Amino acid sequence: MSLIQEIHAQKPAVRYALYGLSLAISLSLVGLFGVSSLQRQAFMALHTDPEEQLAYDQARDARRPKPVAALARAASSLTASIGSLFGWKVDAGFDTEGRVGNDQGGVHPLPLSE
């Protein structure tokens, strides 16, 4: 019997309870990471000294459990990579506004396929 069939075989009260529990766990995790990120951004905005920022990041990483710290670093790295791809960080690469090509300022029709 598959997992889906096992779930459908349960009473509706059990299914709703498990759904509610999984929803509460998911929202709690999203809220935890959201509040943690907001706290870091507020600290970085209020403290402009690079040494204070580095000390804060090191203390924050030391307090976290190791798997959570590794996941947070991976998520921030992935977010930075995606952000630089879409131009959220102009100095991180993919700066298309700084380059001036010879095809700017005109309309060029697309080639027609035959």
C-alpha atoms as a PDB file:
ATOM      1  CA  MET A   1       0.000   0.000   0.000  1.00  0.00           C
ATOM      2  CA  SER A   2       1.405   3.387  -0.955  1.00  0.00           C
ATOM      3  CA  LEU A   3       1.755   6.351   1.352  1.00  0.00           C
ATOM      4  CA  ILE A   4      -1.069   8.234  -0.386  1.00  0.00           C
ATOM      5  CA  GLN A   5      -3.416   5.280   0.087  1.00  0.00           C
ATOM      6  CA  GLU A   6      -2.415   5.050   3.742  1.00  0.00           C
ATOM      7  CA  ILE A   7      -3.255   8.713   4.238  1.00  0.00           C
ATOM      8  CA  HIS A   8      -6.607   8.352   2.486  1.00  0.00           C
ATOM      9  CA  ALA A   9      -7.420   5.327   4.642  1.00  0.00           C
ATOM     10  CA  GLN A  10      -7.178   7.409   7.841  1.00  0.00           C
ATOM     11  CA  LYS A  11     -10.190   9.029   9.465  1.00  0.00           C
ATOM     12  CA  PRO A  12     -10.854  12.637   8.414  1.00  0.00           C
ATOM     13  CA  ALA A  13     -10.085  13.910  11.925  1.00  0.00           C
ATOM     14  CA  VAL A  14      -6.615  12.318  11.785  1.00  0.00           C
ATOM     15  CA  ARG A  15      -5.957  13.725   8.315  1.00  0.00           C
ATOM     16  CA  TYR A  16      -7.001  17.227   9.364  1.00  0.00           C
ATOM     17  CA  ALA A  17      -4.899  17.019  12.519  1.00  0.00           C
ATOM     18  CA  LEU A  18      -1.814  15.958  10.539  1.00  0.00           C
ATOM     19  CA  TYR A  19      -2.485  18.680   7.978  1.00  0.00           C
ATOM     20  CA  GLY A  20      -2.772  21.291  10.722  1.00  0.00           C
ATOM     21  CA  LEU A  21       0.400  20.046  12.390  1.00  0.00           C
ATOM     22  CA  SER A  22       2.387  20.132   9.140  1.00  0.00           C
ATOM     23  CA  LEU A  23       1.027  23.599   8.366  1.00  0.00           C
ATOM     24  CA  ALA A  24       2.009  24.880  11.825  1.00  0.00           C
ATOM     25  CA  ILE A  25       5.520  23.429  11.519  1.00  0.00           C
ATOM     26  CA  SER A  26       5.998  24.908   8.031  1.00  0.00           C
ATOM     27  CA  LEU A  27       4.792  28.369   9.044  1.00  0.00           C
ATOM     28  CA  SER A  28       6.950  28.285  12.176  1.00  0.00           C
ATOM     29  CA  LEU A  29      10.083  27.479  10.188  1.00  0.00           C
ATOM     30  CA  VAL A  30       9.370  30.163   7.603  1.00  0.00           C
ATOM     31  CA  GLY A  31       8.661  32.648  10.384  1.00  0.00           C
ATOM     32  CA  LEU A  32      11.853  31.711  12.237  1.00  0.00           C
ATOM     33  CA  PHE A  33      14.048  32.280   9.193  1.00  0.00           C
ATOM     34  CA  GLY A  34      12.137  35.433   8.252  1.00  0.00           C
ATOM     35  CA  VAL A  35      12.521  37.002  11.695  1.00  0.00           C
ATOM     36  CA  SER A  36      16.168  35.977  11.854  1.00  0.00           C
ATOM     37  CA  SER A  37      16.847  37.591   8.484  1.00  0.00           C
ATOM     38  CA  LEU A  38      14.956  40.738   9.460  1.00  0.00           C
ATOM     39  CA  GLN A  39      16.951  40.962  12.692  1.00  0.00           C
ATOM     40  CA  ARG A  40      20.239  40.708  10.781  1.00  0.00           C
ATOM     41  CA  GLN A  41      19.199  43.303   8.216  1.00  0.00           C
ATOM     42  CA  ALA A  42      18.158  45.726  10.974  1.00  0.00           C
ATOM     43  CA  PHE A  43      21.489  45.274  12.752  1.00  0.00           C
ATOM     44  CA  MET A  44      23.448  45.802   9.538  1.00  0.00           C
ATOM     45  CA  ALA A  45      21.448  48.934   8.740  1.00  0.00           C
ATOM     46  CA  LEU A  46      22.009  50.465  12.177  1.00  0.00           C
ATOM     47  CA  HIS A  47      25.672  49.501  12.632  1.00  0.00           C
ATOM     48  CA  THR A  48      27.826  50.615   9.708  1.00  0.00           C
ATOM     49  CA  ASP A  49      31.187  49.649  11.229  1.00  0.00           C
ATOM     50  CA  PRO A  50      32.506  46.579   9.299  1.00  0.00           C
ATOM     51  CA  GLU A  51      34.174  45.180  12.428  1.00  0.00           C
ATOM     52  CA  GLU A  52      30.882  45.255  14.364  1.00  0.00           C
ATOM     53  CA  GLN A  53      29.094  43.599  11.457  1.00  0.00           C
ATOM     54  CA  LEU A  54      31.709  40.855  11.226  1.00  0.00           C
ATOM     55  CA  ALA A  55      31.602  40.267  14.993  1.00  0.00           C
ATOM     56  CA  TYR A  56      27.796  40.075  14.872  1.00  0.00           C
ATOM     57  CA  ASP A  57      27.855  37.529  12.036  1.00  0.00           C
ATOM     58  CA  GLN A  58      30.468  35.404  13.813  1.00  0.00           C
ATOM     59  CA  ALA A  59      28.548  35.460  17.106  1.00  0.00           C
ATOM     60  CA  ARG A  60      25.333  34.616  15.292  1.00  0.00           C
ATOM     61  CA  ASP A  61      26.927  31.667  13.497  1.00  0.00           C
ATOM     62  CA  ALA A  62      28.453  30.429  16.774  1.00  0.00           C
ATOM     63  CA  ARG A  63      25.016  30.387  18.471  1.00  0.00           C
ATOM     64  CA  ARG A  64      23.329  28.418  15.714  1.00  0.00           C
ATOM     65  CA  PRO A  65      23.428  24.646  15.506  1.00  0.00           C
ATOM     66  CA  LYS A  66      25.868  23.584  12.794  1.00  0.00           C
ATOM     67  CA  PRO A  67      23.323  22.197  10.278  1.00  0.00           C
ATOM     68  CA  VAL A  68      21.174  25.321  10.553  1.00  0.00           C
ATOM     69  CA  ALA A  69      24.200  27.579  10.066  1.00  0.00           C
ATOM     70  CA  ALA A  70      25.238  25.605   6.991  1.00  0.00           C
ATOM     71  CA  LEU A  71      21.718  25.813   5.527  1.00  0.00           C
ATOM     72  CA  ALA A  72      21.554  29.555   6.224  1.00  0.00           C
ATOM     73  CA  ARG A  73      24.897  30.148   4.506  1.00  0.00           C
ATOM     74  CA  ALA A  74      23.831  28.064   1.513  1.00  0.00           C
ATOM     75  CA  ALA A  75      20.493  29.899   1.250  1.00  0.00           C
ATOM     76  CA  SER A  76      22.127  33.324   1.426  1.00  0.00           C
ATOM     77  CA  SER A  77      24.709  32.318  -1.183  1.00  0.00           C
ATOM     78  CA  LEU A  78      21.987  30.998  -3.482  1.00  0.00           C
ATOM     79  CA  THR A  79      19.930  34.162  -3.000  1.00  0.00           C
ATOM     80  CA  ALA A  80      22.970  36.309  -3.815  1.00  0.00           C
ATOM     81  CA  SER A  81      23.664  34.270  -6.957  1.00  0.00           C
ATOM     82  CA  ILE A  82      20.082  34.549  -8.163  1.00  0.00           C
ATOM     83  CA  GLY A  83      20.025  38.241  -7.277  1.00  0.00           C
ATOM     84  CA  SER A  84      23.146  38.977  -9.268  1.00  0.00           C
ATOM     85  CA  LEU A  85      21.707  37.076 -12.229  1.00  0.00           C
ATOM     86  CA  PHE A  86      18.590  39.257 -12.291  1.00  0.00           C
ATOM     87  CA  GLY A  87      20.498  42.464 -11.602  1.00  0.00           C
ATOM     88  CA  TRP A  88      19.477  42.994  -7.960  1.00  0.00           C
ATOM     89  CA  LYS A  89      23.127  43.667  -7.154  1.00  0.00           C
ATOM     90  CA  VAL A  90      24.638  45.816  -9.837  1.00  0.00           C
ATOM     91  CA  ASP A  91      28.231  45.405  -8.622  1.00  0.00           C
ATOM     92  CA  ALA A  92      28.012  41.614  -8.430  1.00  0.00           C
ATOM     93  CA  GLY A  93      28.245  41.010 -12.159  1.00  0.00           C
ATOM     94  CA  PHE A  94      25.840  40.904 -15.089  1.00  0.00           C
ATOM     95  CA  ASP A  95      25.880  44.713 -15.236  1.00  0.00           C
ATOM     96  CA  THR A  96      24.116  45.328 -18.515  1.00  0.00           C
ATOM     97  CA  GLU A  97      23.479  49.040 -17.938  1.00  0.00           C
ATOM     98  CA  GLY A  98      27.199  49.873 -17.821  1.00  0.00           C
ATOM     99  CA  ARG A  99      27.901  48.419 -21.241  1.00  0.00           C
ATOM    100  CA  VAL A 100      26.934  50.383 -24.301  1.00  0.00           C
ATOM    101  CA  GLY A 101      26.476  48.419 -27.473  1.00  0.00           C
ATOM    102  CA  ASN A 102      26.256  49.661 -31.024  1.00  0.00           C
ATOM    103  CA  ASP A 103      22.631  48.564 -31.387  1.00  0.00           C
ATOM    104  CA  GLN A 104      21.181  50.937 -28.785  1.00  0.00           C
ATOM    105  CA  GLY A 105      18.673  53.593 -29.696  1.00  0.00           C
ATOM    106  CA  GLY A 106      17.129  51.921 -32.723  1.00  0.00           C
ATOM    107  CA  VAL A 107      14.426  49.440 -33.598  1.00  0.00           C
ATOM    108  CA  HIS A 108      15.595  46.208 -35.200  1.00  0.00           C
ATOM    109  CA  PRO A 109      13.021  43.851 -36.703  1.00  0.00           C
ATOM    110  CA  LEU A 110      13.287  40.175 -35.972  1.00  0.00           C
ATOM    111  CA  PRO A 111      14.185  37.889 -38.884  1.00  0.00           C
ATOM    112  CA  LEU A 112      11.240  36.075 -40.378  1.00  0.00           C
ATOM    113  CA  SER A 113      11.329  32.320 -40.631  1.00  0.00           C
ATOM    114  CA  GLU A 114      10.434  30.841 -43.970  1.00  0.00           C
END
